[in-house]
Amino acid sequence: MSLAQRVNATARNGTRYSLAGPVDAPLLAFIHGLGLNRQIWDRFVTCLEPRYRVLTYDLYGQCESANAPVKPDVSLYSQQLIELLDELGIERCVAVGFSLGGMINRRMAIDHPRRIAGLAIFNSPHERSSAAQQLAEQQALDSAGGGPGATLDAAIERWFTADFRQAHADYIEQVRAWVLANDADNYAAAREVLAFGVVELIRPQPPIQSPTLVMTCENDSGSTPAMSHAIASEIDGADVIIVPHLRHMGLAEAPDLFIDALTGFLDSKVQF
């Protein structure tokens, strides 16, 4: 394989992206979660670029990407990636999504199945009880006026274990800075997608057919093990891995666990 220089560029639709790895290798596209950016995948890129072409990018309205052309929903975020792949001349990819990103790649697999060689869904929400769904929607609407910092302290506690927060204060401050850098309106719109968009992904018709890996962490309160098992139950042959002890951002606390699971999945289940 011929190695390409790492590329940082802006697509025609305003998406800021980074591309690394051999130019003729299969492509992995990584989709970050609410309030974050493509830097959350840095460890994944370093480990995977020797074997794969690795695409990371910022969602509309977050970090360096342009604002969404209209109020976003899951389909618009999916179309953002489709347009980026089209511009890069990439026909198929494995789409790896974290949290909101794990909703976006599912929508993409429903709407554009031929573009998906495989799915990896990390710590992503799914069907909630009626009361929990109503609460999630109301909280998203209520938070619109408070900006990304309004609930950040509580979010950091949900995302990371106490031991990690204490031992890696610099990283926690980096995550805080990422979230706080978000424009309030863009953040609120994305949070609404995270709350409301789950409903359209439940028991999809036609069913998702792509090889799929679903992972979450034992103590992820918003993307629970039960949700991961439910996602997998709706995708024939999907694998489920529950990481002990960790919380929502287990892929930041123990990235190698997720990378090892992903590479095992790619080697055993995905045909590019």
C-alpha atoms as a PDB file:
ATOM      1  CA  MET A   1       0.000   0.000   0.000  1.00  0.00           C
ATOM      2  CA  SER A   2       1.175   3.534  -0.727  1.00  0.00           C
ATOM      3  CA  LEU A   3       1.131   5.894   2.249  1.00  0.00           C
ATOM      4  CA  ALA A   4      -0.410   9.313   1.764  1.00  0.00           C
ATOM      5  CA  GLN A   5       0.486  12.433   3.672  1.00  0.00           C
ATOM      6  CA  ARG A   6      -2.084  13.347   6.282  1.00  0.00           C
ATOM      7  CA  VAL A   7      -4.596  15.783   4.862  1.00  0.00           C
ATOM      8  CA  ASN A   8      -6.552  18.485   6.686  1.00  0.00           C
ATOM      9  CA  ALA A   9      -9.021  20.208   4.400  1.00  0.00           C
ATOM     10  CA  THR A  10     -12.502  21.687   4.031  1.00  0.00           C
ATOM     11  CA  ALA A  11     -15.078  20.045   1.754  1.00  0.00           C
ATOM     12  CA  ARG A  12     -17.458  21.908  -0.531  1.00  0.00           C
ATOM     13  CA  ASN A  13     -20.274  21.553   2.002  1.00  0.00           C
ATOM     14  CA  GLY A  14     -18.147  23.265   4.671  1.00  0.00           C
ATOM     15  CA  THR A  15     -17.119  20.084   6.479  1.00  0.00           C
ATOM     16  CA  ARG A  16     -13.651  20.236   8.003  1.00  0.00           C
ATOM     17  CA  TYR A  17     -11.989  16.844   7.801  1.00  0.00           C
ATOM     18  CA  SER A  18      -8.723  14.944   8.246  1.00  0.00           C
ATOM     19  CA  LEU A  19      -7.613  11.982   6.153  1.00  0.00           C
ATOM     20  CA  ALA A  20      -4.740   9.607   6.890  1.00  0.00           C
ATOM     21  CA  GLY A  21      -3.448   6.196   5.863  1.00  0.00           C
ATOM     22  CA  PRO A  22      -2.738   4.382   2.591  1.00  0.00           C
ATOM     23  CA  VAL A  23      -4.591   5.851  -0.352  1.00  0.00           C
ATOM     24  CA  ASP A  24      -5.635   2.427  -1.654  1.00  0.00           C
ATOM     25  CA  ALA A  25      -6.686   0.950   1.712  1.00  0.00           C
ATOM     26  CA  PRO A  26     -10.289   0.383   2.847  1.00  0.00           C
ATOM     27  CA  LEU A  27     -11.790   3.481   4.448  1.00  0.00           C
ATOM     28  CA  LEU A  28     -12.966   3.907   8.037  1.00  0.00           C
ATOM     29  CA  ALA A  29     -15.095   7.005   8.683  1.00  0.00           C
ATOM     30  CA  PHE A  30     -15.315   8.170  12.318  1.00  0.00           C
ATOM     31  CA  ILE A  31     -18.250  10.248  13.578  1.00  0.00           C
ATOM     32  CA  HIS A  32     -17.934  12.041  16.925  1.00  0.00           C
ATOM     33  CA  GLY A  33     -20.579  12.805  19.528  1.00  0.00           C
ATOM     34  CA  LEU A  34     -22.421  15.884  20.779  1.00  0.00           C
ATOM     35  CA  GLY A  35     -20.234  18.902  21.512  1.00  0.00           C
ATOM     36  CA  LEU A  36     -16.992  17.137  20.603  1.00  0.00           C
ATOM     37  CA  ASN A  37     -14.907  17.084  17.433  1.00  0.00           C
ATOM     38  CA  ARG A  38     -12.704  14.866  15.284  1.00  0.00           C
ATOM     39  CA  GLN A  39      -9.812  15.054  17.769  1.00  0.00           C
ATOM     40  CA  ILE A  40     -11.609  12.536  19.991  1.00  0.00           C
ATOM     41  CA  TRP A  41     -10.414   9.892  17.511  1.00  0.00           C
ATOM     42  CA  ASP A  42      -6.690  10.775  17.537  1.00  0.00           C
ATOM     43  CA  ARG A  43      -5.603   7.550  19.237  1.00  0.00           C
ATOM     44  CA  PHE A  44      -7.726   5.517  16.801  1.00  0.00           C
ATOM     45  CA  VAL A  45      -6.135   7.265  13.828  1.00  0.00           C
ATOM     46  CA  THR A  46      -2.613   6.596  15.083  1.00  0.00           C
ATOM     47  CA  CYS A  47      -3.315   2.904  15.612  1.00  0.00           C
ATOM     48  CA  LEU A  48      -5.342   2.256  12.470  1.00  0.00           C
ATOM     49  CA  GLU A  49      -3.717   4.347   9.751  1.00  0.00           C
ATOM     50  CA  PRO A  50      -0.999   1.772   8.948  1.00  0.00           C
ATOM     51  CA  ARG A  51      -3.695  -0.600   7.630  1.00  0.00           C
ATOM     52  CA  TYR A  52      -6.651   1.625   6.758  1.00  0.00           C
ATOM     53  CA  ARG A  53      -7.484   4.942   5.209  1.00  0.00           C
ATOM     54  CA  VAL A  54      -8.959   6.862   8.139  1.00  0.00           C
ATOM     55  CA  LEU A  55     -11.391   9.755   7.804  1.00  0.00           C
ATOM     56  CA  THR A  56     -12.350  11.963  10.742  1.00  0.00           C
ATOM     57  CA  TYR A  57     -14.445  15.117  10.481  1.00  0.00           C
ATOM     58  CA  ASP A  58     -16.416  17.685  12.460  1.00  0.00           C
ATOM     59  CA  LEU A  59     -20.186  17.604  12.396  1.00  0.00           C
ATOM     60  CA  TYR A  60     -21.992  20.636  11.050  1.00  0.00           C
ATOM     61  CA  GLY A  61     -21.773  23.568  13.450  1.00  0.00           C
ATOM     62  CA  GLN A  62     -19.146  21.973  15.676  1.00  0.00           C
ATOM     63  CA  CYS A  63     -15.461  22.860  15.923  1.00  0.00           C
ATOM     64  CA  GLU A  64     -14.209  23.826  12.439  1.00  0.00           C
ATOM     65  CA  SER A  65     -17.131  22.780  10.221  1.00  0.00           C
ATOM     66  CA  ALA A  66     -19.642  25.228   8.785  1.00  0.00           C
ATOM     67  CA  ASN A  67     -23.118  25.539  10.222  1.00  0.00           C
ATOM     68  CA  ALA A  68     -25.783  23.185   8.914  1.00  0.00           C
ATOM     69  CA  PRO A  69     -27.646  24.563   5.880  1.00  0.00           C
ATOM     70  CA  VAL A  70     -30.969  23.963   7.673  1.00  0.00           C
ATOM     71  CA  LYS A  71     -31.951  22.863  11.161  1.00  0.00           C
ATOM     72  CA  PRO A  72     -30.201  19.499  11.538  1.00  0.00           C
ATOM     73  CA  ASP A  73     -31.753  16.103  12.009  1.00  0.00           C
ATOM     74  CA  VAL A  74     -30.215  12.638  11.843  1.00  0.00           C
ATOM     75  CA  SER A  75     -30.723  12.434   8.079  1.00  0.00           C
ATOM     76  CA  LEU A  76     -28.976  15.753   7.467  1.00  0.00           C
ATOM     77  CA  TYR A  77     -25.949  14.629   9.474  1.00  0.00           C
ATOM     78  CA  SER A  78     -25.944  11.380   7.492  1.00  0.00           C
ATOM     79  CA  GLN A  79     -26.088  13.309   4.232  1.00  0.00           C
ATOM     80  CA  GLN A  80     -23.141  15.426   5.399  1.00  0.00           C
ATOM     81  CA  LEU A  81     -20.957  12.313   5.424  1.00  0.00           C
ATOM     82  CA  ILE A  82     -22.368  11.004   2.136  1.00  0.00           C
ATOM     83  CA  GLU A  83     -21.456  14.293   0.443  1.00  0.00           C
ATOM     84  CA  LEU A  84     -17.961  14.136   1.916  1.00  0.00           C
ATOM     85  CA  LEU A  85     -17.464  10.585   0.658  1.00  0.00           C
ATOM     86  CA  ASP A  86     -18.744  11.604  -2.780  1.00  0.00           C
ATOM     87  CA  GLU A  87     -16.285  14.482  -2.955  1.00  0.00           C
ATOM     88  CA  LEU A  88     -13.415  12.193  -1.962  1.00  0.00           C
ATOM     89  CA  GLY A  89     -14.450   9.571  -4.512  1.00  0.00           C
ATOM     90  CA  ILE A  90     -15.078   6.905  -1.863  1.00  0.00           C
ATOM     91  CA  GLU A  91     -17.841   4.424  -2.642  1.00  0.00           C
ATOM     92  CA  ARG A  92     -17.986   2.371   0.592  1.00  0.00           C
ATOM     93  CA  CYS A  93     -16.727   2.665   4.135  1.00  0.00           C
ATOM     94  CA  VAL A  94     -17.009   1.272   7.610  1.00  0.00           C
ATOM     95  CA  ALA A  95     -18.784   3.998   9.577  1.00  0.00           C
ATOM     96  CA  VAL A  96     -17.752   4.190  13.227  1.00  0.00           C
ATOM     97  CA  GLY A  97     -19.994   6.383  15.366  1.00  0.00           C
ATOM     98  CA  PHE A  98     -19.867   7.433  18.997  1.00  0.00           C
ATOM     99  CA  SER A  99     -23.075   8.467  20.809  1.00  0.00           C
ATOM    100  CA  LEU A 100     -24.813  10.857  18.370  1.00  0.00           C
ATOM    101  CA  GLY A 101     -22.403   9.494  15.762  1.00  0.00           C
ATOM    102  CA  GLY A 102     -23.813   6.022  16.380  1.00  0.00           C
ATOM    103  CA  MET A 103     -27.230   7.353  15.442  1.00  0.00           C
ATOM    104  CA  ILE A 104     -25.885   9.024  12.327  1.00  0.00           C
ATOM    105  CA  ASN A 105     -24.209   5.889  11.006  1.00  0.00           C
ATOM    106  CA  ARG A 106     -27.384   3.864  11.596  1.00  0.00           C
ATOM    107  CA  ARG A 107     -29.401   6.416   9.614  1.00  0.00           C
ATOM    108  CA  MET A 108     -26.783   6.194   6.875  1.00  0.00           C
ATOM    109  CA  ALA A 109     -27.051   2.393   6.818  1.00  0.00           C
ATOM    110  CA  ILE A 110     -30.836   2.663   6.485  1.00  0.00           C
ATOM    111  CA  ASP A 111     -30.812   5.310   3.754  1.00  0.00           C
ATOM    112  CA  HIS A 112     -27.625   4.368   1.870  1.00  0.00           C
ATOM    113  CA  PRO A 113     -26.941   0.670   2.548  1.00  0.00           C
ATOM    114  CA  ARG A 114     -24.668   0.254  -0.476  1.00  0.00           C
ATOM    115  CA  ARG A 115     -22.277   2.835   0.941  1.00  0.00           C
ATOM    116  CA  ILE A 116     -21.752   0.888   4.175  1.00  0.00           C
ATOM    117  CA  ALA A 117     -19.322  -2.032   4.415  1.00  0.00           C
ATOM    118  CA  GLY A 118     -19.828  -2.235   8.159  1.00  0.00           C
ATOM    119  CA  LEU A 119     -20.999  -0.359  11.245  1.00  0.00           C
ATOM    120  CA  ALA A 120     -19.423   0.160  14.639  1.00  0.00           C
ATOM    121  CA  ILE A 121     -21.829   1.758  17.106  1.00  0.00           C
ATOM    122  CA  PHE A 122     -20.168   2.983  20.302  1.00  0.00           C
ATOM    123  CA  ASN A 123     -22.101   4.151  23.391  1.00  0.00           C
ATOM    124  CA  SER A 124     -25.145   5.207  21.410  1.00  0.00           C
ATOM    125  CA  PRO A 125     -28.701   5.600  22.731  1.00  0.00           C
ATOM    126  CA  HIS A 126     -31.690   3.639  21.559  1.00  0.00           C
ATOM    127  CA  GLU A 127     -35.309   3.087  22.539  1.00  0.00           C
ATOM    128  CA  ARG A 128     -36.182   4.712  25.859  1.00  0.00           C
ATOM    129  CA  SER A 129     -39.274   4.177  27.972  1.00  0.00           C
ATOM    130  CA  SER A 130     -42.069   6.623  27.185  1.00  0.00           C
ATOM    131  CA  ALA A 131     -41.343   8.620  30.330  1.00  0.00           C
ATOM    132  CA  ALA A 132     -37.591   8.638  29.706  1.00  0.00           C
ATOM    133  CA  GLN A 133     -38.090   9.725  26.093  1.00  0.00           C
ATOM    134  CA  GLN A 134     -40.344  12.592  27.138  1.00  0.00           C
ATOM    135  CA  LEU A 135     -37.789  13.632  29.774  1.00  0.00           C
ATOM    136  CA  ALA A 136     -34.901  13.530  27.287  1.00  0.00           C
ATOM    137  CA  GLU A 137     -36.834  15.651  24.822  1.00  0.00           C
ATOM    138  CA  GLN A 138     -37.888  18.192  27.451  1.00  0.00           C
ATOM    139  CA  GLN A 139     -34.368  18.460  28.856  1.00  0.00           C
ATOM    140  CA  ALA A 140     -33.011  19.089  25.368  1.00  0.00           C
ATOM    141  CA  LEU A 141     -35.548  21.856  24.805  1.00  0.00           C
ATOM    142  CA  ASP A 142     -34.975  23.349  28.253  1.00  0.00           C
ATOM    143  CA  SER A 143     -31.211  23.458  27.798  1.00  0.00           C
ATOM    144  CA  ALA A 144     -31.384  25.580  24.662  1.00  0.00           C
ATOM    145  CA  GLY A 145     -31.114  28.842  26.571  1.00  0.00           C
ATOM    146  CA  GLY A 146     -28.296  27.753  28.858  1.00  0.00           C
ATOM    147  CA  GLY A 147     -25.644  26.991  26.259  1.00  0.00           C
ATOM    148  CA  PRO A 148     -23.197  24.095  26.289  1.00  0.00           C
ATOM    149  CA  GLY A 149     -21.888  24.940  29.754  1.00  0.00           C
ATOM    150  CA  ALA A 150     -25.236  24.737  31.535  1.00  0.00           C
ATOM    151  CA  THR A 151     -25.091  21.005  32.265  1.00  0.00           C
ATOM    152  CA  LEU A 152     -21.403  20.369  31.612  1.00  0.00           C
ATOM    153  CA  ASP A 153     -20.357  19.509  35.173  1.00  0.00           C
ATOM    154  CA  ALA A 154     -23.039  16.830  35.420  1.00  0.00           C
ATOM    155  CA  ALA A 155     -22.117  15.558  31.973  1.00  0.00           C
ATOM    156  CA  ILE A 156     -18.442  15.194  32.870  1.00  0.00           C
ATOM    157  CA  GLU A 157     -19.435  13.062  35.872  1.00  0.00           C
ATOM    158  CA  ARG A 158     -21.614  10.868  33.656  1.00  0.00           C
ATOM    159  CA  TRP A 159     -18.947  10.572  30.977  1.00  0.00           C
ATOM    160  CA  PHE A 160     -15.855   9.673  33.028  1.00  0.00           C
ATOM    161  CA  THR A 161     -15.096   7.592  36.094  1.00  0.00           C
ATOM    162  CA  ALA A 162     -13.967   9.417  39.228  1.00  0.00           C
ATOM    163  CA  ASP A 163     -10.540   7.779  39.047  1.00  0.00           C
ATOM    164  CA  PHE A 164      -9.994   8.993  35.500  1.00  0.00           C
ATOM    165  CA  ARG A 165     -11.155  12.520  36.289  1.00  0.00           C
ATOM    166  CA  GLN A 166      -8.670  12.692  39.143  1.00  0.00           C
ATOM    167  CA  ALA A 167      -5.742  11.161  37.280  1.00  0.00           C
ATOM    168  CA  HIS A 168      -6.241  12.972  33.957  1.00  0.00           C
ATOM    169  CA  ALA A 169      -7.273  16.496  34.870  1.00  0.00           C
ATOM    170  CA  ASP A 170      -5.599  17.939  31.768  1.00  0.00           C
ATOM    171  CA  TYR A 171      -7.666  15.751  29.461  1.00  0.00           C
ATOM    172  CA  ILE A 172     -10.871  16.613  31.321  1.00  0.00           C
ATOM    173  CA  GLU A 173     -10.090  20.309  30.860  1.00  0.00           C
ATOM    174  CA  GLN A 174      -9.493  19.689  27.161  1.00  0.00           C
ATOM    175  CA  VAL A 175     -12.919  18.063  26.827  1.00  0.00           C
ATOM    176  CA  ARG A 176     -14.477  20.969  28.728  1.00  0.00           C
ATOM    177  CA  ALA A 177     -12.832  23.409  26.349  1.00  0.00           C
ATOM    178  CA  TRP A 178     -14.121  21.501  23.330  1.00  0.00           C
ATOM    179  CA  VAL A 179     -17.691  21.559  24.616  1.00  0.00           C
ATOM    180  CA  LEU A 180     -17.603  25.192  25.750  1.00  0.00           C
ATOM    181  CA  ALA A 181     -16.282  26.300  22.346  1.00  0.00           C
ATOM    182  CA  ASN A 182     -19.581  25.311  20.750  1.00  0.00           C
ATOM    183  CA  ASP A 183     -22.003  27.988  19.631  1.00  0.00           C
ATOM    184  CA  ALA A 184     -25.053  27.826  21.892  1.00  0.00           C
ATOM    185  CA  ASP A 185     -27.598  27.559  19.070  1.00  0.00           C
ATOM    186  CA  ASN A 186     -25.671  24.866  17.213  1.00  0.00           C
ATOM    187  CA  TYR A 187     -25.172  22.878  20.411  1.00  0.00           C
ATOM    188  CA  ALA A 188     -28.863  23.099  21.286  1.00  0.00           C
ATOM    189  CA  ALA A 189     -29.877  21.944  17.806  1.00  0.00           C
ATOM    190  CA  ALA A 190     -27.521  18.948  17.975  1.00  0.00           C
ATOM    191  CA  ARG A 191     -28.741  18.050  21.447  1.00  0.00           C
ATOM    192  CA  GLU A 192     -32.309  18.019  20.152  1.00  0.00           C
ATOM    193  CA  VAL A 193     -31.234  15.555  17.452  1.00  0.00           C
ATOM    194  CA  LEU A 194     -29.671  13.330  20.125  1.00  0.00           C
ATOM    195  CA  ALA A 195     -32.904  13.394  22.146  1.00  0.00           C
ATOM    196  CA  PHE A 196     -35.554  13.250  19.418  1.00  0.00           C
ATOM    197  CA  GLY A 197     -33.744  11.328  16.681  1.00  0.00           C
ATOM    198  CA  VAL A 198     -33.611   7.967  18.448  1.00  0.00           C
ATOM    199  CA  VAL A 199     -37.274   7.343  17.703  1.00  0.00           C
ATOM    200  CA  GLU A 200     -36.753   7.041  13.949  1.00  0.00           C
ATOM    201  CA  LEU A 201     -34.042   4.392  14.390  1.00  0.00           C
ATOM    202  CA  ILE A 202     -36.088   1.864  16.366  1.00  0.00           C
ATOM    203  CA  ARG A 203     -36.851  -1.355  14.492  1.00  0.00           C
ATOM    204  CA  PRO A 204     -35.915   0.137  11.105  1.00  0.00           C
ATOM    205  CA  GLN A 205     -37.688  -1.024   7.975  1.00  0.00           C
ATOM    206  CA  PRO A 206     -36.072  -2.336   5.938  1.00  0.00           C
ATOM    207  CA  PRO A 207     -33.750  -3.727   8.604  1.00  0.00           C
ATOM    208  CA  ILE A 208     -30.075  -2.816   8.612  1.00  0.00           C
ATOM    209  CA  GLN A 209     -28.139  -5.585   6.869  1.00  0.00           C
ATOM    210  CA  SER A 210     -24.553  -4.400   7.372  1.00  0.00           C
ATOM    211  CA  PRO A 211     -22.075  -6.310   9.567  1.00  0.00           C
ATOM    212  CA  THR A 212     -22.297  -4.503  12.886  1.00  0.00           C
ATOM    213  CA  LEU A 213     -20.411  -4.168  16.143  1.00  0.00           C
ATOM    214  CA  VAL A 214     -22.265  -2.554  19.058  1.00  0.00           C
ATOM    215  CA  MET A 215     -20.340  -1.516  22.167  1.00  0.00           C
ATOM    216  CA  THR A 216     -21.113   0.416  25.310  1.00  0.00           C
ATOM    217  CA  CYS A 217     -19.899   0.556  28.888  1.00  0.00           C
ATOM    218  CA  GLU A 218     -21.356  -1.068  31.973  1.00  0.00           C
ATOM    219  CA  ASN A 219     -22.024   2.248  33.731  1.00  0.00           C
ATOM    220  CA  ASP A 220     -23.124   4.362  30.787  1.00  0.00           C
ATOM    221  CA  SER A 221     -26.429   5.738  32.063  1.00  0.00           C
ATOM    222  CA  GLY A 222     -27.553   7.311  28.786  1.00  0.00           C
ATOM    223  CA  SER A 223     -26.458   4.590  26.359  1.00  0.00           C
ATOM    224  CA  THR A 224     -27.001   1.566  28.513  1.00  0.00           C
ATOM    225  CA  PRO A 225     -26.031  -2.072  27.974  1.00  0.00           C
ATOM    226  CA  ALA A 226     -29.737  -2.841  27.511  1.00  0.00           C
ATOM    227  CA  MET A 227     -29.861  -0.291  24.694  1.00  0.00           C
ATOM    228  CA  SER A 228     -26.842  -1.836  22.989  1.00  0.00           C
ATOM    229  CA  HIS A 229     -28.412  -5.282  23.187  1.00  0.00           C
ATOM    230  CA  ALA A 230     -31.635  -3.826  21.752  1.00  0.00           C
ATOM    231  CA  ILE A 231     -29.757  -2.227  18.833  1.00  0.00           C
ATOM    232  CA  ALA A 232     -28.012  -5.530  18.116  1.00  0.00           C
ATOM    233  CA  SER A 233     -31.264  -7.495  18.343  1.00  0.00           C
ATOM    234  CA  GLU A 234     -32.593  -5.470  15.414  1.00  0.00           C
ATOM    235  CA  ILE A 235     -29.551  -6.140  13.175  1.00  0.00           C
ATOM    236  CA  ASP A 236     -29.063  -9.745  12.109  1.00  0.00           C
ATOM    237  CA  GLY A 237     -25.719 -11.142  13.266  1.00  0.00           C
ATOM    238  CA  ALA A 238     -24.605  -8.025  15.156  1.00  0.00           C
ATOM    239  CA  ASP A 239     -21.949  -8.453  17.836  1.00  0.00           C
ATOM    240  CA  VAL A 240     -22.297  -6.851  21.286  1.00  0.00           C
ATOM    241  CA  ILE A 241     -19.495  -5.982  23.686  1.00  0.00           C
ATOM    242  CA  ILE A 242     -20.102  -4.433  27.122  1.00  0.00           C
ATOM    243  CA  VAL A 243     -16.999  -2.879  28.649  1.00  0.00           C
ATOM    244  CA  PRO A 244     -16.911  -3.333  32.434  1.00  0.00           C
ATOM    245  CA  HIS A 245     -16.805  -0.442  34.885  1.00  0.00           C
ATOM    246  CA  LEU A 246     -16.456   2.495  32.491  1.00  0.00           C
ATOM    247  CA  ARG A 247     -18.965   5.230  31.677  1.00  0.00           C
ATOM    248  CA  HIS A 248     -20.065   7.084  28.550  1.00  0.00           C
ATOM    249  CA  MET A 249     -16.626   8.065  27.273  1.00  0.00           C
ATOM    250  CA  GLY A 250     -14.957   4.728  27.797  1.00  0.00           C
ATOM    251  CA  LEU A 251     -13.355   5.101  24.376  1.00  0.00           C
ATOM    252  CA  ALA A 252     -11.366   8.024  25.808  1.00  0.00           C
ATOM    253  CA  GLU A 253     -10.477   6.292  29.084  1.00  0.00           C
ATOM    254  CA  ALA A 254      -9.527   2.969  27.499  1.00  0.00           C
ATOM    255  CA  PRO A 255      -9.242   3.544  23.756  1.00  0.00           C
ATOM    256  CA  ASP A 256      -7.211   0.402  23.148  1.00  0.00           C
ATOM    257  CA  LEU A 257     -10.119  -1.765  24.312  1.00  0.00           C
ATOM    258  CA  PHE A 258     -12.299  -0.232  21.622  1.00  0.00           C
ATOM    259  CA  ILE A 259      -9.551  -0.296  19.006  1.00  0.00           C
ATOM    260  CA  ASP A 260      -8.847  -3.977  19.643  1.00  0.00           C
ATOM    261  CA  ALA A 261     -12.551  -4.815  19.422  1.00  0.00           C
ATOM    262  CA  LEU A 262     -12.890  -2.798  16.232  1.00  0.00           C
ATOM    263  CA  THR A 263      -9.888  -4.410  14.530  1.00  0.00           C
ATOM    264  CA  GLY A 264     -11.125  -7.867  15.519  1.00  0.00           C
ATOM    265  CA  PHE A 265     -14.519  -7.035  14.030  1.00  0.00           C
ATOM    266  CA  LEU A 266     -12.954  -5.698  10.815  1.00  0.00           C
ATOM    267  CA  ASP A 267     -10.793  -8.794  10.422  1.00  0.00           C
ATOM    268  CA  SER A 268     -13.550 -11.300  11.079  1.00  0.00           C
ATOM    269  CA  LYS A 269     -16.805  -9.767   9.837  1.00  0.00           C
ATOM    270  CA  VAL A 270     -16.208  -7.073   7.210  1.00  0.00           C
ATOM    271  CA  GLN A 271     -15.650  -7.610   3.506  1.00  0.00           C
ATOM    272  CA  PHE A 272     -14.692  -4.408   1.744  1.00  0.00           C
END
